[in-house]
Amino acid sequence: MLSRNALVVVADGHTATLFRNRARHGLELEQTRSLSQKDFADAELESESSRDVDEAAFASGLADFLNDLVLRGKADEVAVIADPTTLGTMRKKYHKELQQRLAKEIAKTLTGADAGSVQRALS
């Protein structure tokens, strides 16, 4: 089971939703932030890139974002739920510190799902 205040990230190649576990015991997710390709986009690449390049760039940017959170002490425990392609790209960019704090990874597309659906996937 995830600890209180654990970070849960639900992502695909275009968007990510961040949740925090607010329960002392068990799982009670609260959405805290949404990220899109614009949060990690490189303006020069954006105009000429293909969909696959955009998705890989987003996954890479999201991994960098999570690495930064962990290294700054903003996330002690992390769970990632992402479609298999996005998850594969993100794994290549995980910092060792993030790898140590990963409580769970699930290769599944759940973007746009409500907190209840995400909680069920984590159970």
C-alpha atoms as a PDB file:
ATOM      1  CA  MET A   1       0.000   0.000   0.000  1.00  0.00           C
ATOM      2  CA  LEU A   2       1.175   3.521  -0.737  1.00  0.00           C
ATOM      3  CA  SER A   3       2.183   5.781   2.116  1.00  0.00           C
ATOM      4  CA  ARG A   4       0.433   9.013   3.042  1.00  0.00           C
ATOM      5  CA  ASN A   5       1.400  11.819   0.644  1.00  0.00           C
ATOM      6  CA  ALA A   6       2.750   9.369  -1.968  1.00  0.00           C
ATOM      7  CA  LEU A   7       2.756  10.820  -5.477  1.00  0.00           C
ATOM      8  CA  VAL A   8       0.722   8.963  -8.103  1.00  0.00           C
ATOM      9  CA  VAL A   9       1.296   9.853 -11.755  1.00  0.00           C
ATOM     10  CA  VAL A  10      -1.152   8.802 -14.472  1.00  0.00           C
ATOM     11  CA  ALA A  11       0.232   9.516 -17.939  1.00  0.00           C
ATOM     12  CA  ASP A  12       0.187   8.851 -21.638  1.00  0.00           C
ATOM     13  CA  GLY A  13       2.238  10.481 -24.388  1.00  0.00           C
ATOM     14  CA  HIS A  14       0.211  13.690 -24.231  1.00  0.00           C
ATOM     15  CA  THR A  15      -0.913  14.401 -20.681  1.00  0.00           C
ATOM     16  CA  ALA A  16      -0.216  13.516 -17.077  1.00  0.00           C
ATOM     17  CA  THR A  17      -2.340  13.860 -13.977  1.00  0.00           C
ATOM     18  CA  LEU A  18      -0.693  13.966 -10.567  1.00  0.00           C
ATOM     19  CA  PHE A  19      -2.428  12.757  -7.429  1.00  0.00           C
ATOM     20  CA  ARG A  20      -1.403  12.633  -3.771  1.00  0.00           C
ATOM     21  CA  ASN A  21      -2.509   9.930  -1.357  1.00  0.00           C
ATOM     22  CA  ARG A  22      -4.264  11.772   1.477  1.00  0.00           C
ATOM     23  CA  ALA A  23      -5.183   8.690   3.564  1.00  0.00           C
ATOM     24  CA  ARG A  24      -3.224   7.787   6.693  1.00  0.00           C
ATOM     25  CA  HIS A  25      -4.130   4.146   6.107  1.00  0.00           C
ATOM     26  CA  GLY A  26      -5.248   2.928   2.716  1.00  0.00           C
ATOM     27  CA  LEU A  27      -5.700   4.934  -0.421  1.00  0.00           C
ATOM     28  CA  GLU A  28      -7.544   8.220  -0.925  1.00  0.00           C
ATOM     29  CA  LEU A  29      -6.272  10.085  -3.975  1.00  0.00           C
ATOM     30  CA  GLU A  30      -6.607  13.807  -4.521  1.00  0.00           C
ATOM     31  CA  GLN A  31      -5.729  15.350  -7.883  1.00  0.00           C
ATOM     32  CA  THR A  32      -3.053  18.002  -7.444  1.00  0.00           C
ATOM     33  CA  ARG A  33      -1.856  18.912 -10.934  1.00  0.00           C
ATOM     34  CA  SER A  34      -2.270  18.296 -14.660  1.00  0.00           C
ATOM     35  CA  LEU A  35       0.550  18.491 -17.171  1.00  0.00           C
ATOM     36  CA  SER A  36       0.410  18.615 -20.956  1.00  0.00           C
ATOM     37  CA  GLN A  37       2.885  18.611 -23.816  1.00  0.00           C
ATOM     38  CA  LYS A  38       3.115  22.401 -23.543  1.00  0.00           C
ATOM     39  CA  ASP A  39       4.740  22.004 -20.106  1.00  0.00           C
ATOM     40  CA  PHE A  40       7.731  20.193 -21.653  1.00  0.00           C
ATOM     41  CA  ALA A  41       7.641  21.248 -25.325  1.00  0.00           C
ATOM     42  CA  ASP A  42      10.610  22.564 -27.198  1.00  0.00           C
ATOM     43  CA  ALA A  43       9.235  25.315 -29.434  1.00  0.00           C
ATOM     44  CA  GLU A  44      11.648  24.521 -32.281  1.00  0.00           C
ATOM     45  CA  LEU A  45      10.794  20.830 -32.318  1.00  0.00           C
ATOM     46  CA  GLU A  46       7.065  21.356 -31.902  1.00  0.00           C
ATOM     47  CA  SER A  47       6.431  22.823 -35.341  1.00  0.00           C
ATOM     48  CA  GLU A  48       8.154  20.033 -37.285  1.00  0.00           C
ATOM     49  CA  SER A  49       7.868  16.940 -35.124  1.00  0.00           C
ATOM     50  CA  SER A  50       5.780  13.877 -35.660  1.00  0.00           C
ATOM     51  CA  ARG A  51       3.314  12.453 -33.168  1.00  0.00           C
ATOM     52  CA  ASP A  52       5.798   9.746 -32.057  1.00  0.00           C
ATOM     53  CA  VAL A  53       8.510  12.325 -31.418  1.00  0.00           C
ATOM     54  CA  ASP A  54       6.043  14.484 -29.459  1.00  0.00           C
ATOM     55  CA  GLU A  55       5.004  11.529 -27.294  1.00  0.00           C
ATOM     56  CA  ALA A  56       8.605  10.500 -26.607  1.00  0.00           C
ATOM     57  CA  ALA A  57       9.547  14.094 -25.782  1.00  0.00           C
ATOM     58  CA  PHE A  58       6.612  14.365 -23.378  1.00  0.00           C
ATOM     59  CA  ALA A  59       7.500  11.080 -21.639  1.00  0.00           C
ATOM     60  CA  SER A  60      11.119  12.161 -21.364  1.00  0.00           C
ATOM     61  CA  GLY A  61      10.128  15.581 -19.995  1.00  0.00           C
ATOM     62  CA  LEU A  62       7.795  13.962 -17.480  1.00  0.00           C
ATOM     63  CA  ALA A  63      10.568  11.648 -16.267  1.00  0.00           C
ATOM     64  CA  ASP A  64      12.862  14.675 -15.849  1.00  0.00           C
ATOM     65  CA  PHE A  65      10.090  16.448 -13.922  1.00  0.00           C
ATOM     66  CA  LEU A  66       9.689  13.456 -11.573  1.00  0.00           C
ATOM     67  CA  ASN A  67      13.463  13.149 -11.147  1.00  0.00           C
ATOM     68  CA  ASP A  68      13.561  16.808 -10.117  1.00  0.00           C
ATOM     69  CA  LEU A  69      10.714  16.374  -7.611  1.00  0.00           C
ATOM     70  CA  VAL A  70      12.438  13.431  -5.969  1.00  0.00           C
ATOM     71  CA  LEU A  71      15.855  15.094  -5.893  1.00  0.00           C
ATOM     72  CA  ARG A  72      14.339  18.200  -4.278  1.00  0.00           C
ATOM     73  CA  GLY A  73      12.647  16.055  -1.616  1.00  0.00           C
ATOM     74  CA  LYS A  74       9.110  16.761  -2.873  1.00  0.00           C
ATOM     75  CA  ALA A  75       8.203  13.069  -3.316  1.00  0.00           C
ATOM     76  CA  ASP A  76       9.234  10.272  -0.969  1.00  0.00           C
ATOM     77  CA  GLU A  77       7.247   7.564  -2.735  1.00  0.00           C
ATOM     78  CA  VAL A  78       6.035   7.466  -6.335  1.00  0.00           C
ATOM     79  CA  ALA A  79       3.636   5.274  -8.313  1.00  0.00           C
ATOM     80  CA  VAL A  80       3.453   5.556 -12.096  1.00  0.00           C
ATOM     81  CA  ILE A  81       0.568   4.376 -14.269  1.00  0.00           C
ATOM     82  CA  ALA A  82       1.219   4.926 -17.971  1.00  0.00           C
ATOM     83  CA  ASP A  83       0.591   3.313 -21.312  1.00  0.00           C
ATOM     84  CA  PRO A  84       3.360   0.807 -22.141  1.00  0.00           C
ATOM     85  CA  THR A  85       5.145   3.029 -24.693  1.00  0.00           C
ATOM     86  CA  THR A  86       5.227   6.056 -22.405  1.00  0.00           C
ATOM     87  CA  LEU A  87       6.304   3.955 -19.430  1.00  0.00           C
ATOM     88  CA  GLY A  88       9.128   2.422 -21.464  1.00  0.00           C
ATOM     89  CA  THR A  89      10.423   5.839 -22.487  1.00  0.00           C
ATOM     90  CA  MET A  90      10.161   7.168 -18.938  1.00  0.00           C
ATOM     91  CA  ARG A  91      12.066   4.206 -17.467  1.00  0.00           C
ATOM     92  CA  LYS A  92      15.094   5.041 -19.604  1.00  0.00           C
ATOM     93  CA  LYS A  93      15.260   8.494 -17.982  1.00  0.00           C
ATOM     94  CA  TYR A  94      14.656   7.590 -14.314  1.00  0.00           C
ATOM     95  CA  HIS A  95      17.330   8.879 -11.940  1.00  0.00           C
ATOM     96  CA  LYS A  96      18.620   6.291  -9.427  1.00  0.00           C
ATOM     97  CA  GLU A  97      16.915   8.189  -6.619  1.00  0.00           C
ATOM     98  CA  LEU A  98      13.566   7.995  -8.418  1.00  0.00           C
ATOM     99  CA  GLN A  99      14.089   4.276  -9.071  1.00  0.00           C
ATOM    100  CA  GLN A 100      14.570   3.737  -5.332  1.00  0.00           C
ATOM    101  CA  ARG A 101      11.366   5.602  -4.492  1.00  0.00           C
ATOM    102  CA  LEU A 102       9.168   3.847  -7.045  1.00  0.00           C
ATOM    103  CA  ALA A 103       6.550   1.915  -5.118  1.00  0.00           C
ATOM    104  CA  LYS A 104       4.608   0.714  -8.145  1.00  0.00           C
ATOM    105  CA  GLU A 105       4.532   0.865 -11.927  1.00  0.00           C
ATOM    106  CA  ILE A 106       1.521  -0.178 -13.970  1.00  0.00           C
ATOM    107  CA  ALA A 107       1.566  -0.364 -17.777  1.00  0.00           C
ATOM    108  CA  LYS A 108      -2.010   0.701 -18.482  1.00  0.00           C
ATOM    109  CA  THR A 109      -3.760   3.640 -20.132  1.00  0.00           C
ATOM    110  CA  LEU A 110      -5.815   5.409 -17.463  1.00  0.00           C
ATOM    111  CA  THR A 111      -5.522   9.059 -18.482  1.00  0.00           C
ATOM    112  CA  GLY A 112      -8.814  10.820 -18.030  1.00  0.00           C
ATOM    113  CA  ALA A 113      -9.912   8.313 -15.386  1.00  0.00           C
ATOM    114  CA  ASP A 114     -11.314   9.531 -12.090  1.00  0.00           C
ATOM    115  CA  ALA A 115      -9.528   9.077  -8.753  1.00  0.00           C
ATOM    116  CA  GLY A 116     -11.674   6.034  -7.930  1.00  0.00           C
ATOM    117  CA  SER A 117     -10.574   4.197 -11.085  1.00  0.00           C
ATOM    118  CA  VAL A 118      -6.921   5.013 -10.372  1.00  0.00           C
ATOM    119  CA  GLN A 119      -7.315   3.785  -6.785  1.00  0.00           C
ATOM    120  CA  ARG A 120      -8.800   0.494  -8.021  1.00  0.00           C
ATOM    121  CA  ALA A 121      -5.877   0.033 -10.445  1.00  0.00           C
ATOM    122  CA  LEU A 122      -3.423   0.529  -7.576  1.00  0.00           C
ATOM    123  CA  SER A 123      -5.193  -1.927  -5.265  1.00  0.00           C
END
